[in-house]
Amino acid sequence: MQNTSYGETQTILLALEFALAKGGFKSNAGRKKTAETLIRRMKSGKSVSGRHRQLTGILKKGATIEQMIKATGTSRRTIFRYLNHFEEAGLTLVLEDGKYRVE
């Protein structure tokens, strides 16, 4: 099993996006294509980092566990694992009226 750090993967994603925006790969077309592919994969709902992004988006408004399961297509256990990833990265999660929210 792979240990996925929310903070690390989001930092890598932001760094790749920044490098592409600033033309950091224009001298090497192969690396540029690889960076673009990685960004697409990392944003995809099929990847852990993509599901992390989906969850942080809905957690800004507040969501129940069931809503998170439906949004990501994952299990209850996986949702709690992702919530733990967020807490390990220093995000504050609040539970009010059956809904989790990130502060």
PDB file of N, CA and C in Angstrom:
ATOM      1  N   MET A   1       0.841  -1.183   0.000  1.00  0.00           N
ATOM      2  CA  MET A   1       0.000   0.000   0.000  1.00  0.00           C
ATOM      3  C   MET A   1       0.882   1.240   0.000  1.00  0.00           C
ATOM      4  N   GLN A   2       0.488   2.207  -0.769  1.00  0.00           N
ATOM      5  CA  GLN A   2       1.224   3.453  -0.894  1.00  0.00           C
ATOM      6  C   GLN A   2       0.776   4.448   0.176  1.00  0.00           C
ATOM      7  N   ASN A   3       1.732   5.084   0.826  1.00  0.00           N
ATOM      8  CA  ASN A   3       1.417   6.129   1.796  1.00  0.00           C
ATOM      9  C   ASN A   3       1.330   7.455   1.048  1.00  0.00           C
ATOM     10  N   THR A   4       0.148   8.017   0.987  1.00  0.00           N
ATOM     11  CA  THR A   4      -0.077   9.243   0.230  1.00  0.00           C
ATOM     12  C   THR A   4      -0.210  10.422   1.180  1.00  0.00           C
ATOM     13  N   SER A   5       0.670  11.396   1.004  1.00  0.00           N
ATOM     14  CA  SER A   5       0.617  12.604   1.813  1.00  0.00           C
ATOM     15  C   SER A   5      -0.128  13.677   1.035  1.00  0.00           C
ATOM     16  N   TYR A   6      -1.219  14.144   1.587  1.00  0.00           N
ATOM     17  CA  TYR A   6      -2.017  15.192   0.947  1.00  0.00           C
ATOM     18  C   TYR A   6      -1.160  16.421   0.670  1.00  0.00           C
ATOM     19  N   GLY A   7      -0.428  16.864   1.652  1.00  0.00           N
ATOM     20  CA  GLY A   7       0.386  18.069   1.503  1.00  0.00           C
ATOM     21  C   GLY A   7       1.436  17.928   0.411  1.00  0.00           C
ATOM     22  N   GLU A   8       2.106  16.787   0.367  1.00  0.00           N
ATOM     23  CA  GLU A   8       3.145  16.572  -0.639  1.00  0.00           C
ATOM     24  C   GLU A   8       2.573  16.524  -2.050  1.00  0.00           C
ATOM     25  N   THR A   9       1.489  15.779  -2.238  1.00  0.00           N
ATOM     26  CA  THR A   9       0.943  15.660  -3.592  1.00  0.00           C
ATOM     27  C   THR A   9       0.380  16.985  -4.087  1.00  0.00           C
ATOM     28  N   GLN A  10      -0.251  17.750  -3.223  1.00  0.00           N
ATOM     29  CA  GLN A  10      -0.790  19.042  -3.651  1.00  0.00           C
ATOM     30  C   GLN A  10       0.340  20.023  -3.960  1.00  0.00           C
ATOM     31  N   THR A  11       1.435  19.948  -3.227  1.00  0.00           N
ATOM     32  CA  THR A  11       2.587  20.806  -3.493  1.00  0.00           C
ATOM     33  C   THR A  11       3.215  20.458  -4.838  1.00  0.00           C
ATOM     34  N   ILE A  12       3.344  19.181  -5.113  1.00  0.00           N
ATOM     35  CA  ILE A  12       3.896  18.743  -6.403  1.00  0.00           C
ATOM     36  C   ILE A  12       3.002  19.215  -7.546  1.00  0.00           C
ATOM     37  N   LEU A  13       1.695  19.052  -7.387  1.00  0.00           N
ATOM     38  CA  LEU A  13       0.750  19.488  -8.414  1.00  0.00           C
ATOM     39  C   LEU A  13       0.872  20.990  -8.670  1.00  0.00           C
ATOM     40  N   LEU A  14       0.895  21.780  -7.619  1.00  0.00           N
ATOM     41  CA  LEU A  14       1.026  23.238  -7.770  1.00  0.00           C
ATOM     42  C   LEU A  14       2.355  23.617  -8.417  1.00  0.00           C
ATOM     43  N   ALA A  15       3.429  22.917  -8.056  1.00  0.00           N
ATOM     44  CA  ALA A  15       4.741  23.208  -8.641  1.00  0.00           C
ATOM     45  C   ALA A  15       4.758  22.892 -10.133  1.00  0.00           C
ATOM     46  N   LEU A  16       4.164  21.783 -10.524  1.00  0.00           N
ATOM     47  CA  LEU A  16       4.092  21.434 -11.947  1.00  0.00           C
ATOM     48  C   LEU A  16       3.271  22.463 -12.726  1.00  0.00           C
ATOM     49  N   GLU A  17       2.123  22.854 -12.166  1.00  0.00           N
ATOM     50  CA  GLU A  17       1.283  23.852 -12.831  1.00  0.00           C
ATOM     51  C   GLU A  17       2.025  25.185 -12.966  1.00  0.00           C
ATOM     52  N   PHE A  18       2.729  25.573 -11.922  1.00  0.00           N
ATOM     53  CA  PHE A  18       3.486  26.826 -11.943  1.00  0.00           C
ATOM     54  C   PHE A  18       4.593  26.768 -12.995  1.00  0.00           C
ATOM     55  N   ALA A  19       5.319  25.653 -13.020  1.00  0.00           N
ATOM     56  CA  ALA A  19       6.414  25.508 -13.989  1.00  0.00           C
ATOM     57  C   ALA A  19       5.888  25.578 -15.421  1.00  0.00           C
ATOM     58  N   LEU A  20       4.762  24.930 -15.679  1.00  0.00           N
ATOM     59  CA  LEU A  20       4.177  24.993 -17.022  1.00  0.00           C
ATOM     60  C   LEU A  20       3.739  26.410 -17.369  1.00  0.00           C
ATOM     61  N   ALA A  21       3.110  27.087 -16.424  1.00  0.00           N
ATOM     62  CA  ALA A  21       2.625  28.447 -16.670  1.00  0.00           C
ATOM     63  C   ALA A  21       3.765  29.413 -16.956  1.00  0.00           C
ATOM     64  N   LYS A  22       4.920  29.177 -16.344  1.00  0.00           N
ATOM     65  CA  LYS A  22       6.068  30.069 -16.510  1.00  0.00           C
ATOM     66  C   LYS A  22       6.996  29.633 -17.648  1.00  0.00           C
ATOM     67  N   GLY A  23       6.589  28.583 -18.385  1.00  0.00           N
ATOM     68  CA  GLY A  23       7.403  28.127 -19.517  1.00  0.00           C
ATOM     69  C   GLY A  23       8.631  27.344 -19.115  1.00  0.00           C
ATOM     70  N   GLY A  24       8.593  26.739 -17.956  1.00  0.00           N
ATOM     71  CA  GLY A  24       9.748  26.010 -17.439  1.00  0.00           C
ATOM     72  C   GLY A  24      10.147  24.777 -18.226  1.00  0.00           C
ATOM     73  N   PHE A  25       9.292  24.286 -19.097  1.00  0.00           N
ATOM     74  CA  PHE A  25       9.604  23.083 -19.860  1.00  0.00           C
ATOM     75  C   PHE A  25       9.711  23.353 -21.361  1.00  0.00           C
ATOM     76  N   LYS A  26       9.744  24.603 -21.770  1.00  0.00           N
ATOM     77  CA  LYS A  26       9.694  24.887 -23.204  1.00  0.00           C
ATOM     78  C   LYS A  26      10.921  24.390 -23.961  1.00  0.00           C
ATOM     79  N   SER A  27      12.032  24.192 -23.282  1.00  0.00           N
ATOM     80  CA  SER A  27      13.230  23.693 -23.965  1.00  0.00           C
ATOM     81  C   SER A  27      13.248  22.169 -24.072  1.00  0.00           C
ATOM     82  N   ASN A  28      12.285  21.499 -23.424  1.00  0.00           N
ATOM     83  CA  ASN A  28      12.250  20.036 -23.473  1.00  0.00           C
ATOM     84  C   ASN A  28      10.804  19.584 -23.632  1.00  0.00           C
ATOM     85  N   ALA A  29      10.419  19.306 -24.867  1.00  0.00           N
ATOM     86  CA  ALA A  29       9.030  18.933 -25.180  1.00  0.00           C
ATOM     87  C   ALA A  29       8.604  17.645 -24.473  1.00  0.00           C
ATOM     88  N   GLY A  30       9.516  16.713 -24.310  1.00  0.00           N
ATOM     89  CA  GLY A  30       9.199  15.452 -23.639  1.00  0.00           C
ATOM     90  C   GLY A  30       8.835  15.662 -22.182  1.00  0.00           C
ATOM     91  N   ARG A  31       9.601  16.487 -21.502  1.00  0.00           N
ATOM     92  CA  ARG A  31       9.299  16.779 -20.094  1.00  0.00           C
ATOM     93  C   ARG A  31       8.013  17.582 -19.955  1.00  0.00           C
ATOM     94  N   LYS A  32       7.772  18.484 -20.892  1.00  0.00           N
ATOM     95  CA  LYS A  32       6.535  19.261 -20.862  1.00  0.00           C
ATOM     96  C   LYS A  32       5.335  18.321 -21.001  1.00  0.00           C
ATOM     97  N   LYS A  33       5.409  17.392 -21.934  1.00  0.00           N
ATOM     98  CA  LYS A  33       4.316  16.441 -22.139  1.00  0.00           C
ATOM     99  C   LYS A  33       4.122  15.569 -20.893  1.00  0.00           C
ATOM    100  N   THR A  34       5.223  15.138 -20.287  1.00  0.00           N
ATOM    101  CA  THR A  34       5.141  14.334 -19.061  1.00  0.00           C
ATOM    102  C   THR A  34       4.491  15.130 -17.938  1.00  0.00           C
ATOM    103  N   ALA A  35       4.871  16.398 -17.793  1.00  0.00           N
ATOM    104  CA  ALA A  35       4.282  17.253 -16.752  1.00  0.00           C
ATOM    105  C   ALA A  35       2.787  17.423 -16.981  1.00  0.00           C
ATOM    106  N   GLU A  36       2.380  17.651 -18.229  1.00  0.00           N
ATOM    107  CA  GLU A  36       0.964  17.810 -18.545  1.00  0.00           C
ATOM    108  C   GLU A  36       0.180  16.529 -18.233  1.00  0.00           C
ATOM    109  N   THR A  37       0.778  15.390 -18.548  1.00  0.00           N
ATOM    110  CA  THR A  37       0.134  14.099 -18.264  1.00  0.00           C
ATOM    111  C   THR A  37      -0.010  13.884 -16.765  1.00  0.00           C
ATOM    112  N   LEU A  38       1.042  14.195 -16.015  1.00  0.00           N
ATOM    113  CA  LEU A  38       0.981  14.046 -14.556  1.00  0.00           C
ATOM    114  C   LEU A  38      -0.092  14.937 -13.952  1.00  0.00           C
ATOM    115  N   ILE A  39      -0.199  16.161 -14.425  1.00  0.00           N
ATOM    116  CA  ILE A  39      -1.211  17.087 -13.912  1.00  0.00           C
ATOM    117  C   ILE A  39      -2.606  16.531 -14.168  1.00  0.00           C
ATOM    118  N   ARG A  40      -2.847  16.050 -15.376  1.00  0.00           N
ATOM    119  CA  ARG A  40      -4.166  15.466 -15.694  1.00  0.00           C
ATOM    120  C   ARG A  40      -4.471  14.279 -14.786  1.00  0.00           C
ATOM    121  N   ARG A  41      -3.486  13.412 -14.606  1.00  0.00           N
ATOM    122  CA  ARG A  41      -3.690  12.238 -13.744  1.00  0.00           C
ATOM    123  C   ARG A  41      -3.943  12.633 -12.295  1.00  0.00           C
ATOM    124  N   MET A  42      -3.186  13.618 -11.815  1.00  0.00           N
ATOM    125  CA  MET A  42      -3.323  14.033 -10.418  1.00  0.00           C
ATOM    126  C   MET A  42      -4.656  14.731 -10.150  1.00  0.00           C
ATOM    127  N   LYS A  43      -5.240  15.343 -11.169  1.00  0.00           N
ATOM    128  CA  LYS A  43      -6.533  16.011 -11.012  1.00  0.00           C
ATOM    129  C   LYS A  43      -7.704  15.064 -11.263  1.00  0.00           C
ATOM    130  N   SER A  44      -7.424  13.915 -11.837  1.00  0.00           N
ATOM    131  CA  SER A  44      -8.467  12.955 -12.172  1.00  0.00           C
ATOM    132  C   SER A  44      -9.102  12.373 -10.916  1.00  0.00           C
ATOM    133  N   GLY A  45     -10.405  12.148 -10.970  1.00  0.00           N
ATOM    134  CA  GLY A  45     -11.108  11.514  -9.862  1.00  0.00           C
ATOM    135  C   GLY A  45     -10.699  10.063  -9.660  1.00  0.00           C
ATOM    136  N   LYS A  46      -9.887   9.541 -10.569  1.00  0.00           N
ATOM    137  CA  LYS A  46      -9.392   8.171 -10.437  1.00  0.00           C
ATOM    138  C   LYS A  46      -8.145   8.096  -9.568  1.00  0.00           C
ATOM    139  N   SER A  47      -7.547   9.250  -9.258  1.00  0.00           N
ATOM    140  CA  SER A  47      -6.339   9.270  -8.433  1.00  0.00           C
ATOM    141  C   SER A  47      -6.660   9.742  -7.019  1.00  0.00           C
ATOM    142  N   VAL A  48      -5.818   9.384  -6.084  1.00  0.00           N
ATOM    143  CA  VAL A  48      -5.997   9.824  -4.704  1.00  0.00           C
ATOM    144  C   VAL A  48      -5.932  11.342  -4.628  1.00  0.00           C
ATOM    145  N   SER A  49      -4.977  11.942  -5.314  1.00  0.00           N
ATOM    146  CA  SER A  49      -4.866  13.408  -5.250  1.00  0.00           C
ATOM    147  C   SER A  49      -6.095  14.077  -5.863  1.00  0.00           C
ATOM    148  N   GLY A  50      -6.656  13.478  -6.905  1.00  0.00           N
ATOM    149  CA  GLY A  50      -7.873  14.022  -7.501  1.00  0.00           C
ATOM    150  C   GLY A  50      -9.058  13.935  -6.562  1.00  0.00           C
ATOM    151  N   ARG A  51      -9.173  12.805  -5.864  1.00  0.00           N
ATOM    152  CA  ARG A  51     -10.266  12.663  -4.893  1.00  0.00           C
ATOM    153  C   ARG A  51     -10.049  13.578  -3.691  1.00  0.00           C
ATOM    154  N   HIS A  52      -8.796  13.779  -3.305  1.00  0.00           N
ATOM    155  CA  HIS A  52      -8.496  14.755  -2.248  1.00  0.00           C
ATOM    156  C   HIS A  52      -9.011  16.130  -2.656  1.00  0.00           C
ATOM    157  N   ARG A  53      -8.747  16.522  -3.901  1.00  0.00           N
ATOM    158  CA  ARG A  53      -9.194  17.831  -4.397  1.00  0.00           C
ATOM    159  C   ARG A  53     -10.713  17.922  -4.406  1.00  0.00           C
ATOM    160  N   GLN A  54     -11.383  16.835  -4.834  1.00  0.00           N
ATOM    161  CA  GLN A  54     -12.847  16.818  -4.831  1.00  0.00           C
ATOM    162  C   GLN A  54     -13.370  17.034  -3.420  1.00  0.00           C
ATOM    163  N   LEU A  55     -12.794  16.313  -2.477  1.00  0.00           N
ATOM    164  CA  LEU A  55     -13.263  16.408  -1.092  1.00  0.00           C
ATOM    165  C   LEU A  55     -13.021  17.781  -0.489  1.00  0.00           C
ATOM    166  N   THR A  56     -11.848  18.349  -0.706  1.00  0.00           N
ATOM    167  CA  THR A  56     -11.611  19.674  -0.127  1.00  0.00           C
ATOM    168  C   THR A  56     -12.574  20.690  -0.716  1.00  0.00           C
ATOM    169  N   GLY A  57     -12.942  20.508  -1.973  1.00  0.00           N
ATOM    170  CA  GLY A  57     -13.918  21.407  -2.591  1.00  0.00           C
ATOM    171  C   GLY A  57     -15.281  21.334  -1.926  1.00  0.00           C
ATOM    172  N   ILE A  58     -15.771  20.116  -1.684  1.00  0.00           N
ATOM    173  CA  ILE A  58     -17.101  20.005  -1.068  1.00  0.00           C
ATOM    174  C   ILE A  58     -17.061  20.253   0.432  1.00  0.00           C
ATOM    175  N   LEU A  59     -15.898  20.045   1.049  1.00  0.00           N
ATOM    176  CA  LEU A  59     -15.790  20.287   2.487  1.00  0.00           C
ATOM    177  C   LEU A  59     -15.769  21.772   2.833  1.00  0.00           C
ATOM    178  N   LYS A  60     -15.522  22.619   1.858  1.00  0.00           N
ATOM    179  CA  LYS A  60     -15.565  24.061   2.119  1.00  0.00           C
ATOM    180  C   LYS A  60     -16.983  24.489   2.478  1.00  0.00           C
ATOM    181  N   LYS A  61     -17.970  23.813   1.898  1.00  0.00           N
ATOM    182  CA  LYS A  61     -19.384  24.115   2.171  1.00  0.00           C
ATOM    183  C   LYS A  61     -19.953  23.236   3.274  1.00  0.00           C
ATOM    184  N   GLY A  62     -19.328  22.081   3.495  1.00  0.00           N
ATOM    185  CA  GLY A  62     -19.817  21.113   4.464  1.00  0.00           C
ATOM    186  C   GLY A  62     -20.457  19.936   3.754  1.00  0.00           C
ATOM    187  N   ALA A  63     -20.169  18.729   4.224  1.00  0.00           N
ATOM    188  CA  ALA A  63     -20.710  17.535   3.584  1.00  0.00           C
ATOM    189  C   ALA A  63     -20.795  16.394   4.592  1.00  0.00           C
ATOM    190  N   THR A  64     -21.804  15.579   4.407  1.00  0.00           N
ATOM    191  CA  THR A  64     -21.934  14.370   5.223  1.00  0.00           C
ATOM    192  C   THR A  64     -21.014  13.295   4.645  1.00  0.00           C
ATOM    193  N   ILE A  65     -20.799  12.254   5.418  1.00  0.00           N
ATOM    194  CA  ILE A  65     -20.001  11.128   4.939  1.00  0.00           C
ATOM    195  C   ILE A  65     -20.636  10.550   3.680  1.00  0.00           C
ATOM    196  N   GLU A  66     -21.949  10.410   3.675  1.00  0.00           N
ATOM    197  CA  GLU A  66     -22.650   9.850   2.520  1.00  0.00           C
ATOM    198  C   GLU A  66     -22.455  10.712   1.271  1.00  0.00           C
ATOM    199  N   GLN A  67     -22.481  12.030   1.432  1.00  0.00           N
ATOM    200  CA  GLN A  67     -22.246  12.933   0.295  1.00  0.00           C
ATOM    201  C   GLN A  67     -20.820  12.781  -0.231  1.00  0.00           C
ATOM    202  N   MET A  68     -19.866  12.613   0.678  1.00  0.00           N
ATOM    203  CA  MET A  68     -18.477  12.431   0.265  1.00  0.00           C
ATOM    204  C   MET A  68     -18.294  11.115  -0.470  1.00  0.00           C
ATOM    205  N   ILE A  69     -18.957  10.055   0.014  1.00  0.00           N
ATOM    206  CA  ILE A  69     -18.890   8.753  -0.651  1.00  0.00           C
ATOM    207  C   ILE A  69     -19.434   8.870  -2.067  1.00  0.00           C
ATOM    208  N   LYS A  70     -20.582   9.502  -2.194  1.00  0.00           N
ATOM    209  CA  LYS A  70     -21.214   9.650  -3.510  1.00  0.00           C
ATOM    210  C   LYS A  70     -20.348  10.486  -4.457  1.00  0.00           C
ATOM    211  N   ALA A  71     -19.772  11.561  -3.962  1.00  0.00           N
ATOM    212  CA  ALA A  71     -18.969  12.462  -4.800  1.00  0.00           C
ATOM    213  C   ALA A  71     -17.695  11.789  -5.315  1.00  0.00           C
ATOM    214  N   THR A  72     -17.101  10.931  -4.501  1.00  0.00           N
ATOM    215  CA  THR A  72     -15.817  10.327  -4.873  1.00  0.00           C
ATOM    216  C   THR A  72     -15.928   8.895  -5.376  1.00  0.00           C
ATOM    217  N   GLY A  73     -17.064   8.252  -5.111  1.00  0.00           N
ATOM    218  CA  GLY A  73     -17.212   6.853  -5.525  1.00  0.00           C
ATOM    219  C   GLY A  73     -16.339   5.906  -4.727  1.00  0.00           C
ATOM    220  N   THR A  74     -16.042   6.278  -3.480  1.00  0.00           N
ATOM    221  CA  THR A  74     -15.195   5.447  -2.628  1.00  0.00           C
ATOM    222  C   THR A  74     -16.004   4.900  -1.451  1.00  0.00           C
ATOM    223  N   SER A  75     -15.342   4.123  -0.631  1.00  0.00           N
ATOM    224  CA  SER A  75     -16.001   3.528   0.534  1.00  0.00           C
ATOM    225  C   SER A  75     -15.949   4.470   1.734  1.00  0.00           C
ATOM    226  N   ARG A  76     -16.735   4.139   2.726  1.00  0.00           N
ATOM    227  CA  ARG A  76     -16.753   4.893   3.989  1.00  0.00           C
ATOM    228  C   ARG A  76     -15.366   4.884   4.629  1.00  0.00           C
ATOM    229  N   ARG A  77     -14.733   3.737   4.624  1.00  0.00           N
ATOM    230  CA  ARG A  77     -13.395   3.609   5.213  1.00  0.00           C
ATOM    231  C   ARG A  77     -12.394   4.528   4.497  1.00  0.00           C
ATOM    232  N   THR A  78     -12.487   4.585   3.170  1.00  0.00           N
ATOM    233  CA  THR A  78     -11.585   5.438   2.404  1.00  0.00           C
ATOM    234  C   THR A  78     -11.815   6.908   2.730  1.00  0.00           C
ATOM    235  N   ILE A  79     -13.057   7.303   2.883  1.00  0.00           N
ATOM    236  CA  ILE A  79     -13.359   8.697   3.247  1.00  0.00           C
ATOM    237  C   ILE A  79     -12.689   9.054   4.569  1.00  0.00           C
ATOM    238  N   PHE A  80     -12.807   8.173   5.556  1.00  0.00           N
ATOM    239  CA  PHE A  80     -12.174   8.465   6.848  1.00  0.00           C
ATOM    240  C   PHE A  80     -10.654   8.495   6.721  1.00  0.00           C
ATOM    241  N   ARG A  81     -10.092   7.659   5.855  1.00  0.00           N
ATOM    242  CA  ARG A  81      -8.640   7.688   5.631  1.00  0.00           C
ATOM    243  C   ARG A  81      -8.246   9.037   5.023  1.00  0.00           C
ATOM    244  N   TYR A  82      -9.042   9.529   4.049  1.00  0.00           N
ATOM    245  CA  TYR A  82      -8.752  10.824   3.440  1.00  0.00           C
ATOM    246  C   TYR A  82      -8.890  11.960   4.455  1.00  0.00           C
ATOM    247  N   LEU A  83      -9.895  11.881   5.308  1.00  0.00           N
ATOM    248  CA  LEU A  83     -10.041  12.904   6.349  1.00  0.00           C
ATOM    249  C   LEU A  83      -8.819  12.907   7.263  1.00  0.00           C
ATOM    250  N   ASN A  84      -8.283  11.724   7.551  1.00  0.00           N
ATOM    251  CA  ASN A  84      -7.049  11.642   8.338  1.00  0.00           C
ATOM    252  C   ASN A  84      -5.883  12.286   7.593  1.00  0.00           C
ATOM    253  N   HIS A  85      -5.809  12.082   6.266  1.00  0.00           N
ATOM    254  CA  HIS A  85      -4.754  12.725   5.471  1.00  0.00           C
ATOM    255  C   HIS A  85      -4.814  14.241   5.637  1.00  0.00           C
ATOM    256  N   PHE A  86      -6.038  14.784   5.598  1.00  0.00           N
ATOM    257  CA  PHE A  86      -6.196  16.234   5.732  1.00  0.00           C
ATOM    258  C   PHE A  86      -5.716  16.716   7.097  1.00  0.00           C
ATOM    259  N   GLU A  87      -6.108  15.994   8.135  1.00  0.00           N
ATOM    260  CA  GLU A  87      -5.683  16.384   9.489  1.00  0.00           C
ATOM    261  C   GLU A  87      -4.174  16.287   9.637  1.00  0.00           C
ATOM    262  N   GLU A  88      -3.559  15.243   9.064  1.00  0.00           N
ATOM    263  CA  GLU A  88      -2.100  15.088   9.125  1.00  0.00           C
ATOM    264  C   GLU A  88      -1.399  16.233   8.402  1.00  0.00           C
ATOM    265  N   ALA A  89      -2.056  16.793   7.387  1.00  0.00           N
ATOM    266  CA  ALA A  89      -1.480  17.913   6.634  1.00  0.00           C
ATOM    267  C   ALA A  89      -1.717  19.251   7.324  1.00  0.00           C
ATOM    268  N   GLY A  90      -2.436  19.229   8.443  1.00  0.00           N
ATOM    269  CA  GLY A  90      -2.651  20.458   9.204  1.00  0.00           C
ATOM    270  C   GLY A  90      -3.974  21.158   8.954  1.00  0.00           C
ATOM    271  N   LEU A  91      -4.859  20.552   8.160  1.00  0.00           N
ATOM    272  CA  LEU A  91      -6.180  21.150   7.955  1.00  0.00           C
ATOM    273  C   LEU A  91      -7.048  20.880   9.180  1.00  0.00           C
ATOM    274  N   THR A  92      -7.890  21.828   9.508  1.00  0.00           N
ATOM    275  CA  THR A  92      -8.798  21.675  10.632  1.00  0.00           C
ATOM    276  C   THR A  92     -10.161  21.258  10.109  1.00  0.00           C
ATOM    277  N   LEU A  93     -10.647  20.118  10.586  1.00  0.00           N
ATOM    278  CA  LEU A  93     -11.971  19.623  10.217  1.00  0.00           C
ATOM    279  C   LEU A  93     -12.925  19.838  11.376  1.00  0.00           C
ATOM    280  N   VAL A  94     -14.107  20.319  11.048  1.00  0.00           N
ATOM    281  CA  VAL A  94     -15.129  20.574  12.056  1.00  0.00           C
ATOM    282  C   VAL A  94     -16.349  19.736  11.691  1.00  0.00           C
ATOM    283  N   LEU A  95     -16.966  19.106  12.690  1.00  0.00           N
ATOM    284  CA  LEU A  95     -18.201  18.343  12.484  1.00  0.00           C
ATOM    285  C   LEU A  95     -19.338  19.077  13.171  1.00  0.00           C
ATOM    286  N   GLU A  96     -20.288  19.563  12.366  1.00  0.00           N
ATOM    287  CA  GLU A  96     -21.464  20.264  12.890  1.00  0.00           C
ATOM    288  C   GLU A  96     -22.711  19.739  12.202  1.00  0.00           C
ATOM    289  N   ASP A  97     -23.706  19.384  12.967  1.00  0.00           N
ATOM    290  CA  ASP A  97     -24.985  18.917  12.435  1.00  0.00           C
ATOM    291  C   ASP A  97     -24.813  17.781  11.428  1.00  0.00           C
ATOM    292  N   GLY A  98     -23.876  16.884  11.685  1.00  0.00           N
ATOM    293  CA  GLY A  98     -23.655  15.724  10.823  1.00  0.00           C
ATOM    294  C   GLY A  98     -22.870  16.009   9.571  1.00  0.00           C
ATOM    295  N   LYS A  99     -22.363  17.245   9.437  1.00  0.00           N
ATOM    296  CA  LYS A  99     -21.585  17.601   8.255  1.00  0.00           C
ATOM    297  C   LYS A  99     -20.162  17.988   8.661  1.00  0.00           C
ATOM    298  N   TYR A 100     -19.210  17.485   7.888  1.00  0.00           N
ATOM    299  CA  TYR A 100     -17.823  17.855   8.070  1.00  0.00           C
ATOM    300  C   TYR A 100     -17.544  19.088   7.228  1.00  0.00           C
ATOM    301  N   ARG A 101     -16.709  19.952   7.774  1.00  0.00           N
ATOM    302  CA  ARG A 101     -16.317  21.179   7.078  1.00  0.00           C
ATOM    303  C   ARG A 101     -14.851  21.419   7.366  1.00  0.00           C
ATOM    304  N   VAL A 102     -14.135  21.919   6.369  1.00  0.00           N
ATOM    305  CA  VAL A 102     -12.731  22.260   6.558  1.00  0.00           C
ATOM    306  C   VAL A 102     -12.631  23.767   6.807  1.00  0.00           C
ATOM    307  N   GLU A 103     -11.782  24.117   7.750  1.00  0.00           N
ATOM    308  CA  GLU A 103     -11.585  25.547   8.052  1.00  0.00           C
ATOM    309  C   GLU A 103     -10.257  26.011   7.507  1.00  0.00           C
TER     310      GLU A 103
END
